[in-house]
């Protein structure tokens, strides 16, 4: 199943994102469930959140994956929405 994660950063936490980016990218590569991912940007081009699409067996697996993301462990996110997602186009 595909699951979308929509993560919004806490205000003024860009430094947390930057400090933890190498660990976050390594986690994406090591776990092997991320089909696509990228940051949300504000008008100044600064990263303010993340959109990820995971390919997992269960919604619970996606929730566990999200909780173990180094960004989440570092306290970067103000909110994380985890929702089953259906690819229709692309």
PDB file of N, CA and C in Angstrom:
ATOM      1  N   UNK A   1       0.840  -1.172   0.000  1.00  0.00           N
ATOM      2  CA  UNK A   1       0.000   0.000   0.000  1.00  0.00           C
ATOM      3  C   UNK A   1       0.888   1.240   0.000  1.00  0.00           C
ATOM      4  N   UNK A   2       0.378   2.292  -0.609  1.00  0.00           N
ATOM      5  CA  UNK A   2       1.102   3.561  -0.580  1.00  0.00           C
ATOM      6  C   UNK A   2       0.518   4.435   0.523  1.00  0.00           C
ATOM      7  N   UNK A   3       1.417   5.126   1.206  1.00  0.00           N
ATOM      8  CA  UNK A   3       1.020   6.017   2.287  1.00  0.00           C
ATOM      9  C   UNK A   3       1.729   7.350   2.097  1.00  0.00           C
ATOM     10  N   UNK A   4       0.967   8.426   2.199  1.00  0.00           N
ATOM     11  CA  UNK A   4       1.546   9.768   2.121  1.00  0.00           C
ATOM     12  C   UNK A   4       1.775  10.297   3.528  1.00  0.00           C
ATOM     13  N   UNK A   5       2.936  10.903   3.717  1.00  0.00           N
ATOM     14  CA  UNK A   5       3.248  11.611   4.957  1.00  0.00           C
ATOM     15  C   UNK A   5       3.360  13.085   4.609  1.00  0.00           C
ATOM     16  N   UNK A   6       2.589  13.903   5.291  1.00  0.00           N
ATOM     17  CA  UNK A   6       2.681  15.350   5.121  1.00  0.00           C
ATOM     18  C   UNK A   6       3.133  15.914   6.458  1.00  0.00           C
ATOM     19  N   UNK A   7       4.352  16.419   6.463  1.00  0.00           N
ATOM     20  CA  UNK A   7       4.995  16.876   7.694  1.00  0.00           C
ATOM     21  C   UNK A   7       5.222  18.378   7.611  1.00  0.00           C
ATOM     22  N   UNK A   8       4.801  19.100   8.623  1.00  0.00           N
ATOM     23  CA  UNK A   8       5.004  20.548   8.693  1.00  0.00           C
ATOM     24  C   UNK A   8       6.002  20.845   9.809  1.00  0.00           C
ATOM     25  N   UNK A   9       7.029  21.629   9.463  1.00  0.00           N
ATOM     26  CA  UNK A   9       8.055  21.976  10.438  1.00  0.00           C
ATOM     27  C   UNK A   9       7.521  22.964  11.471  1.00  0.00           C
ATOM     28  N   UNK A  10       8.086  22.908  12.678  1.00  0.00           N
ATOM     29  CA  UNK A  10       7.826  23.936  13.674  1.00  0.00           C
ATOM     30  C   UNK A  10       8.440  25.241  13.167  1.00  0.00           C
ATOM     31  N   UNK A  11       7.834  26.375  13.507  1.00  0.00           N
ATOM     32  CA  UNK A  11       8.420  27.654  13.086  1.00  0.00           C
ATOM     33  C   UNK A  11       9.849  27.811  13.611  1.00  0.00           C
ATOM     34  N   UNK A  12      10.676  28.429  12.815  1.00  0.00           N
ATOM     35  CA  UNK A  12      12.062  28.735  13.197  1.00  0.00           C
ATOM     36  C   UNK A  12      12.871  27.499  13.559  1.00  0.00           C
ATOM     37  N   UNK A  13      12.613  26.389  12.883  1.00  0.00           N
ATOM     38  CA  UNK A  13      13.349  25.145  13.137  1.00  0.00           C
ATOM     39  C   UNK A  13      14.181  24.703  11.934  1.00  0.00           C
ATOM     40  N   UNK A  14      14.475  25.625  11.023  1.00  0.00           N
ATOM     41  CA  UNK A  14      15.272  25.273   9.853  1.00  0.00           C
ATOM     42  C   UNK A  14      16.629  24.703  10.254  1.00  0.00           C
ATOM     43  N   UNK A  15      17.208  25.228  11.334  1.00  0.00           N
ATOM     44  CA  UNK A  15      18.507  24.716  11.792  1.00  0.00           C
ATOM     45  C   UNK A  15      18.419  23.251  12.211  1.00  0.00           C
ATOM     46  N   UNK A  16      17.301  22.838  12.795  1.00  0.00           N
ATOM     47  CA  UNK A  16      17.110  21.431  13.178  1.00  0.00           C
ATOM     48  C   UNK A  16      17.064  20.568  11.922  1.00  0.00           C
ATOM     49  N   UNK A  17      16.369  21.044  10.902  1.00  0.00           N
ATOM     50  CA  UNK A  17      16.293  20.321   9.630  1.00  0.00           C
ATOM     51  C   UNK A  17      17.691  20.172   9.035  1.00  0.00           C
ATOM     52  N   UNK A  18      18.437  21.262   8.987  1.00  0.00           N
ATOM     53  CA  UNK A  18      19.771  21.229   8.382  1.00  0.00           C
ATOM     54  C   UNK A  18      20.727  20.317   9.155  1.00  0.00           C
ATOM     55  N   UNK A  19      20.677  20.379  10.480  1.00  0.00           N
ATOM     56  CA  UNK A  19      21.566  19.561  11.311  1.00  0.00           C
ATOM     57  C   UNK A  19      21.281  18.070  11.167  1.00  0.00           C
ATOM     58  N   UNK A  20      20.038  17.710  10.922  1.00  0.00           N
ATOM     59  CA  UNK A  20      19.632  16.305  10.878  1.00  0.00           C
ATOM     60  C   UNK A  20      19.426  15.766   9.469  1.00  0.00           C
ATOM     61  N   UNK A  21      19.673  16.587   8.461  1.00  0.00           N
ATOM     62  CA  UNK A  21      19.427  16.172   7.076  1.00  0.00           C
ATOM     63  C   UNK A  21      20.249  14.948   6.667  1.00  0.00           C
ATOM     64  N   UNK A  22      21.548  14.880   6.965  1.00  0.00           N
ATOM     65  CA  UNK A  22      22.302  13.677   6.565  1.00  0.00           C
ATOM     66  C   UNK A  22      21.719  12.388   7.162  1.00  0.00           C
ATOM     67  N   UNK A  23      21.334  12.423   8.434  1.00  0.00           N
ATOM     68  CA  UNK A  23      20.749  11.234   9.070  1.00  0.00           C
ATOM     69  C   UNK A  23      19.391  10.906   8.457  1.00  0.00           C
ATOM     70  N   UNK A  24      18.609  11.929   8.151  1.00  0.00           N
ATOM     71  CA  UNK A  24      17.299  11.728   7.526  1.00  0.00           C
ATOM     72  C   UNK A  24      17.455  11.073   6.154  1.00  0.00           C
ATOM     73  N   UNK A  25      18.372  11.592   5.333  1.00  0.00           N
ATOM     74  CA  UNK A  25      18.577  11.030   3.995  1.00  0.00           C
ATOM     75  C   UNK A  25      19.108   9.603   4.064  1.00  0.00           C
ATOM     76  N   UNK A  26      19.966   9.322   5.030  1.00  0.00           N
ATOM     77  CA  UNK A  26      20.468   7.955   5.217  1.00  0.00           C
ATOM     78  C   UNK A  26      19.324   7.022   5.611  1.00  0.00           C
ATOM     79  N   UNK A  27      18.424   7.489   6.477  1.00  0.00           N
ATOM     80  CA  UNK A  27      17.268   6.696   6.907  1.00  0.00           C
ATOM     81  C   UNK A  27      16.376   6.364   5.711  1.00  0.00           C
ATOM     82  N   UNK A  28      16.141   7.344   4.847  1.00  0.00           N
ATOM     83  CA  UNK A  28      15.346   7.101   3.645  1.00  0.00           C
ATOM     84  C   UNK A  28      15.977   6.010   2.795  1.00  0.00           C
ATOM     85  N   UNK A  29      17.274   6.089   2.600  1.00  0.00           N
ATOM     86  CA  UNK A  29      17.977   5.112   1.764  1.00  0.00           C
ATOM     87  C   UNK A  29      18.010   3.733   2.412  1.00  0.00           C
ATOM     88  N   UNK A  30      18.272   3.682   3.704  1.00  0.00           N
ATOM     89  CA  UNK A  30      18.433   2.404   4.410  1.00  0.00           C
ATOM     90  C   UNK A  30      17.132   1.628   4.538  1.00  0.00           C
ATOM     91  N   UNK A  31      16.021   2.321   4.742  1.00  0.00           N
ATOM     92  CA  UNK A  31      14.759   1.617   4.991  1.00  0.00           C
ATOM     93  C   UNK A  31      14.129   1.076   3.713  1.00  0.00           C
ATOM     94  N   UNK A  32      14.402   1.701   2.582  1.00  0.00           N
ATOM     95  CA  UNK A  32      13.957   1.180   1.300  1.00  0.00           C
ATOM     96  C   UNK A  32      12.465   1.211   1.033  1.00  0.00           C
ATOM     97  N   UNK A  33      11.700   2.022   1.749  1.00  0.00           N
ATOM     98  CA  UNK A  33      10.252   2.073   1.532  1.00  0.00           C
ATOM     99  C   UNK A  33       9.785   3.389   0.919  1.00  0.00           C
ATOM    100  N   UNK A  34      10.696   4.326   0.713  1.00  0.00           N
ATOM    101  CA  UNK A  34      10.326   5.647   0.205  1.00  0.00           C
ATOM    102  C   UNK A  34      10.324   5.633  -1.321  1.00  0.00           C
ATOM    103  N   UNK A  35       9.161   5.891  -1.915  1.00  0.00           N
ATOM    104  CA  UNK A  35       9.052   5.966  -3.378  1.00  0.00           C
ATOM    105  C   UNK A  35       9.439   7.342  -3.891  1.00  0.00           C
ATOM    106  N   UNK A  36       9.053   8.367  -3.154  1.00  0.00           N
ATOM    107  CA  UNK A  36       9.420   9.734  -3.517  1.00  0.00           C
ATOM    108  C   UNK A  36       9.314  10.601  -2.277  1.00  0.00           C
ATOM    109  N   UNK A  37      10.094  11.670  -2.278  1.00  0.00           N
ATOM    110  CA  UNK A  37      10.092  12.560  -1.123  1.00  0.00           C
ATOM    111  C   UNK A  37      10.688  13.899  -1.516  1.00  0.00           C
ATOM    112  N   UNK A  38      10.287  14.928  -0.804  1.00  0.00           N
ATOM    113  CA  UNK A  38      10.856  16.245  -1.027  1.00  0.00           C
ATOM    114  C   UNK A  38      10.277  17.246  -0.053  1.00  0.00           C
ATOM    115  N   UNK A  39      10.940  18.396   0.043  1.00  0.00           N
ATOM    116  CA  UNK A  39      10.499  19.411   0.997  1.00  0.00           C
ATOM    117  C   UNK A  39       9.437  20.341   0.420  1.00  0.00           C
ATOM    118  N   UNK A  40       8.631  20.899   1.324  1.00  0.00           N
ATOM    119  CA  UNK A  40       7.791  22.045   0.996  1.00  0.00           C
ATOM    120  C   UNK A  40       8.667  23.278   1.157  1.00  0.00           C
ATOM    121  N   UNK A  41       8.438  24.283   0.320  1.00  0.00           N
ATOM    122  CA  UNK A  41       9.232  25.507   0.368  1.00  0.00           C
ATOM    123  C   UNK A  41       8.333  26.713   0.608  1.00  0.00           C
ATOM    124  N   UNK A  42       8.873  27.699   1.328  1.00  0.00           N
ATOM    125  CA  UNK A  42       8.143  28.957   1.480  1.00  0.00           C
ATOM    126  C   UNK A  42       8.510  29.893   0.331  1.00  0.00           C
ATOM    127  N   UNK A  43       7.995  31.113   0.362  1.00  0.00           N
ATOM    128  CA  UNK A  43       8.234  32.067  -0.730  1.00  0.00           C
ATOM    129  C   UNK A  43       9.710  32.408  -0.894  1.00  0.00           C
ATOM    130  N   UNK A  44      10.488  32.290   0.185  1.00  0.00           N
ATOM    131  CA  UNK A  44      11.924  32.581   0.141  1.00  0.00           C
ATOM    132  C   UNK A  44      12.737  31.369  -0.300  1.00  0.00           C
ATOM    133  N   UNK A  45      12.048  30.251  -0.560  1.00  0.00           N
ATOM    134  CA  UNK A  45      12.739  29.038  -0.979  1.00  0.00           C
ATOM    135  C   UNK A  45      13.295  28.216   0.164  1.00  0.00           C
ATOM    136  N   UNK A  46      12.929  28.552   1.395  1.00  0.00           N
ATOM    137  CA  UNK A  46      13.387  27.786   2.557  1.00  0.00           C
ATOM    138  C   UNK A  46      12.466  26.591   2.802  1.00  0.00           C
ATOM    139  N   UNK A  47      13.061  25.492   3.256  1.00  0.00           N
ATOM    140  CA  UNK A  47      12.290  24.280   3.533  1.00  0.00           C
ATOM    141  C   UNK A  47      11.419  24.477   4.775  1.00  0.00           C
ATOM    142  N   UNK A  48      10.142  24.086   4.658  1.00  0.00           N
ATOM    143  CA  UNK A  48       9.191  24.280   5.752  1.00  0.00           C
ATOM    144  C   UNK A  48       8.421  23.010   6.105  1.00  0.00           C
ATOM    145  N   UNK A  49       8.743  21.916   5.459  1.00  0.00           N
ATOM    146  CA  UNK A  49       8.038  20.669   5.710  1.00  0.00           C
ATOM    147  C   UNK A  49       8.450  19.634   4.693  1.00  0.00           C
ATOM    148  N   UNK A  50       7.790  18.489   4.734  1.00  0.00           N
ATOM    149  CA  UNK A  50       8.150  17.385   3.846  1.00  0.00           C
ATOM    150  C   UNK A  50       6.905  16.661   3.362  1.00  0.00           C
ATOM    151  N   UNK A  51       6.998  16.147   2.143  1.00  0.00           N
ATOM    152  CA  UNK A  51       6.007  15.231   1.589  1.00  0.00           C
ATOM    153  C   UNK A  51       6.748  13.962   1.213  1.00  0.00           C
ATOM    154  N   UNK A  52       6.293  12.837   1.722  1.00  0.00           N
ATOM    155  CA  UNK A  52       6.903  11.550   1.399  1.00  0.00           C
ATOM    156  C   UNK A  52       5.814  10.572   1.008  1.00  0.00           C
ATOM    157  N   UNK A  53       6.113   9.714   0.059  1.00  0.00           N
ATOM    158  CA  UNK A  53       5.220   8.617  -0.303  1.00  0.00           C
ATOM    159  C   UNK A  53       5.972   7.329  -0.008  1.00  0.00           C
ATOM    160  N   UNK A  54       5.395   6.527   0.890  1.00  0.00           N
ATOM    161  CA  UNK A  54       5.995   5.258   1.287  1.00  0.00           C
ATOM    162  C   UNK A  54       5.243   4.107   0.641  1.00  0.00           C
ATOM    163  N   UNK A  55       5.939   3.014   0.389  1.00  0.00           N
ATOM    164  CA  UNK A  55       5.320   1.775  -0.060  1.00  0.00           C
ATOM    165  C   UNK A  55       5.537   0.764   1.056  1.00  0.00           C
ATOM    166  N   UNK A  56       4.470   0.497   1.820  1.00  0.00           N
ATOM    167  CA  UNK A  56       4.545  -0.342   3.017  1.00  0.00           C
ATOM    168  C   UNK A  56       3.402  -1.352   3.021  1.00  0.00           C
ATOM    169  N   UNK A  57       3.462  -2.287   3.955  1.00  0.00           N
ATOM    170  CA  UNK A  57       2.412  -3.309   4.074  1.00  0.00           C
ATOM    171  C   UNK A  57       1.181  -2.799   4.821  1.00  0.00           C
ATOM    172  N   UNK A  58       1.404  -1.963   5.852  1.00  0.00           N
ATOM    173  CA  UNK A  58       0.296  -1.518   6.700  1.00  0.00           C
ATOM    174  C   UNK A  58       0.457  -0.046   7.057  1.00  0.00           C
ATOM    175  N   UNK A  59      -0.642   0.574   7.433  1.00  0.00           N
ATOM    176  CA  UNK A  59      -0.611   1.949   7.910  1.00  0.00           C
ATOM    177  C   UNK A  59       0.224   2.048   9.183  1.00  0.00           C
ATOM    178  N   UNK A  60       0.139   1.039  10.022  1.00  0.00           N
ATOM    179  CA  UNK A  60       0.932   1.005  11.253  1.00  0.00           C
ATOM    180  C   UNK A  60       2.429   1.037  10.952  1.00  0.00           C
ATOM    181  N   UNK A  61       2.846   0.330   9.910  1.00  0.00           N
ATOM    182  CA  UNK A  61       4.255   0.340   9.514  1.00  0.00           C
ATOM    183  C   UNK A  61       4.674   1.755   9.109  1.00  0.00           C
ATOM    184  N   UNK A  62       3.813   2.459   8.405  1.00  0.00           N
ATOM    185  CA  UNK A  62       4.113   3.837   8.000  1.00  0.00           C
ATOM    186  C   UNK A  62       4.207   4.753   9.216  1.00  0.00           C
ATOM    187  N   UNK A  63       3.311   4.565  10.175  1.00  0.00           N
ATOM    188  CA  UNK A  63       3.348   5.377  11.392  1.00  0.00           C
ATOM    189  C   UNK A  63       4.635   5.126  12.171  1.00  0.00           C
ATOM    190  N   UNK A  64       5.045   3.873  12.259  1.00  0.00           N
ATOM    191  CA  UNK A  64       6.310   3.544  12.930  1.00  0.00           C
ATOM    192  C   UNK A  64       7.490   4.148  12.182  1.00  0.00           C
ATOM    193  N   UNK A  65       7.453   4.069  10.853  1.00  0.00           N
ATOM    194  CA  UNK A  65       8.524   4.646  10.047  1.00  0.00           C
ATOM    195  C   UNK A  65       8.631   6.143  10.331  1.00  0.00           C
ATOM    196  N   UNK A  66       7.485   6.825  10.339  1.00  0.00           N
ATOM    197  CA  UNK A  66       7.463   8.270  10.579  1.00  0.00           C
ATOM    198  C   UNK A  66       8.006   8.610  11.965  1.00  0.00           C
ATOM    199  N   UNK A  67       7.652   7.831  12.961  1.00  0.00           N
ATOM    200  CA  UNK A  67       8.110   8.096  14.327  1.00  0.00           C
ATOM    201  C   UNK A  67       9.614   7.908  14.472  1.00  0.00           C
ATOM    202  N   UNK A  68      10.198   7.049  13.650  1.00  0.00           N
ATOM    203  CA  UNK A  68      11.630   6.764  13.737  1.00  0.00           C
ATOM    204  C   UNK A  68      12.483   7.599  12.787  1.00  0.00           C
ATOM    205  N   UNK A  69      11.863   8.440  11.991  1.00  0.00           N
ATOM    206  CA  UNK A  69      12.603   9.349  11.113  1.00  0.00           C
ATOM    207  C   UNK A  69      13.457  10.271  11.990  1.00  0.00           C
ATOM    208  N   UNK A  70      14.733  10.435  11.677  1.00  0.00           N
ATOM    209  CA  UNK A  70      15.580  11.333  12.470  1.00  0.00           C
ATOM    210  C   UNK A  70      15.024  12.752  12.608  1.00  0.00           C
ATOM    211  N   UNK A  71      14.325  13.243  11.607  1.00  0.00           N
ATOM    212  CA  UNK A  71      13.694  14.555  11.735  1.00  0.00           C
ATOM    213  C   UNK A  71      12.670  14.547  12.873  1.00  0.00           C
ATOM    214  N   UNK A  72      11.842  13.523  12.923  1.00  0.00           N
ATOM    215  CA  UNK A  72      10.831  13.425  13.976  1.00  0.00           C
ATOM    216  C   UNK A  72      11.490  13.284  15.341  1.00  0.00           C
ATOM    217  N   UNK A  73      12.508  12.449  15.425  1.00  0.00           N
ATOM    218  CA  UNK A  73      13.204  12.247  16.701  1.00  0.00           C
ATOM    219  C   UNK A  73      13.883  13.522  17.192  1.00  0.00           C
ATOM    220  N   UNK A  74      14.276  14.389  16.265  1.00  0.00           N
ATOM    221  CA  UNK A  74      14.925  15.652  16.631  1.00  0.00           C
ATOM    222  C   UNK A  74      13.916  16.738  17.003  1.00  0.00           C
ATOM    223  N   UNK A  75      12.618  16.438  16.865  1.00  0.00           N
ATOM    224  CA  UNK A  75      11.588  17.408  17.226  1.00  0.00           C
ATOM    225  C   UNK A  75      11.329  18.468  16.171  1.00  0.00           C
ATOM    226  N   UNK A  76      11.607  18.158  14.906  1.00  0.00           N
ATOM    227  CA  UNK A  76      11.443  19.134  13.829  1.00  0.00           C
ATOM    228  C   UNK A  76       9.985  19.457  13.528  1.00  0.00           C
ATOM    229  N   UNK A  77       9.123  18.467  13.594  1.00  0.00           N
ATOM    230  CA  UNK A  77       7.780  18.634  13.041  1.00  0.00           C
ATOM    231  C   UNK A  77       6.761  19.183  14.034  1.00  0.00           C
ATOM    232  N   UNK A  78       5.964  20.117  13.530  1.00  0.00           N
ATOM    233  CA  UNK A  78       4.815  20.634  14.261  1.00  0.00           C
ATOM    234  C   UNK A  78       3.642  19.665  14.119  1.00  0.00           C
ATOM    235  N   UNK A  79       3.536  19.061  12.928  1.00  0.00           N
ATOM    236  CA  UNK A  79       2.466  18.095  12.678  1.00  0.00           C
ATOM    237  C   UNK A  79       2.919  17.088  11.630  1.00  0.00           C
ATOM    238  N   UNK A  80       2.358  15.887  11.731  1.00  0.00           N
ATOM    239  CA  UNK A  80       2.613  14.830  10.752  1.00  0.00           C
ATOM    240  C   UNK A  80       1.280  14.156  10.450  1.00  0.00           C
ATOM    241  N   UNK A  81       0.867  14.192   9.185  1.00  0.00           N
ATOM    242  CA  UNK A  81      -0.342  13.495   8.761  1.00  0.00           C
ATOM    243  C   UNK A  81       0.089  12.244   8.005  1.00  0.00           C
ATOM    244  N   UNK A  82      -0.462  11.110   8.405  1.00  0.00           N
ATOM    245  CA  UNK A  82      -0.164   9.824   7.768  1.00  0.00           C
ATOM    246  C   UNK A  82      -1.477   9.309   7.194  1.00  0.00           C
ATOM    247  N   UNK A  83      -1.517   9.121   5.866  1.00  0.00           N
ATOM    248  CA  UNK A  83      -2.773   8.739   5.231  1.00  0.00           C
ATOM    249  C   UNK A  83      -2.519   7.802   4.061  1.00  0.00           C
ATOM    250  N   UNK A  84      -3.344   6.763   3.945  1.00  0.00           N
ATOM    251  CA  UNK A  84      -3.241   5.901   2.773  1.00  0.00           C
ATOM    252  C   UNK A  84      -3.470   6.758   1.530  1.00  0.00           C
ATOM    253  N   UNK A  85      -2.701   6.460   0.480  1.00  0.00           N
ATOM    254  CA  UNK A  85      -2.730   7.276  -0.735  1.00  0.00           C
ATOM    255  C   UNK A  85      -2.809   6.373  -1.949  1.00  0.00           C
ATOM    256  N   UNK A  86      -3.628   6.768  -2.915  1.00  0.00           N
ATOM    257  CA  UNK A  86      -3.786   5.987  -4.140  1.00  0.00           C
ATOM    258  C   UNK A  86      -3.218   6.764  -5.317  1.00  0.00           C
ATOM    259  N   UNK A  87      -2.264   6.178  -6.001  1.00  0.00           N
ATOM    260  CA  UNK A  87      -1.689   6.792  -7.198  1.00  0.00           C
ATOM    261  C   UNK A  87      -2.660   6.595  -8.356  1.00  0.00           C
ATOM    262  N   UNK A  88      -3.001   7.687  -9.045  1.00  0.00           N
ATOM    263  CA  UNK A  88      -3.917   7.621 -10.168  1.00  0.00           C
ATOM    264  C   UNK A  88      -3.218   8.019 -11.468  1.00  0.00           C
ATOM    265  N   UNK A  89      -2.378   9.029 -11.411  1.00  0.00           N
ATOM    266  CA  UNK A  89      -1.688   9.537 -12.598  1.00  0.00           C
ATOM    267  C   UNK A  89      -0.192   9.583 -12.325  1.00  0.00           C
ATOM    268  N   UNK A  90       0.604   9.284 -13.358  1.00  0.00           N
ATOM    269  CA  UNK A  90       2.059   9.449 -13.244  1.00  0.00           C
ATOM    270  C   UNK A  90       2.815   8.229 -13.123  1.00  0.00           C
TER     271      UNK A  90
END
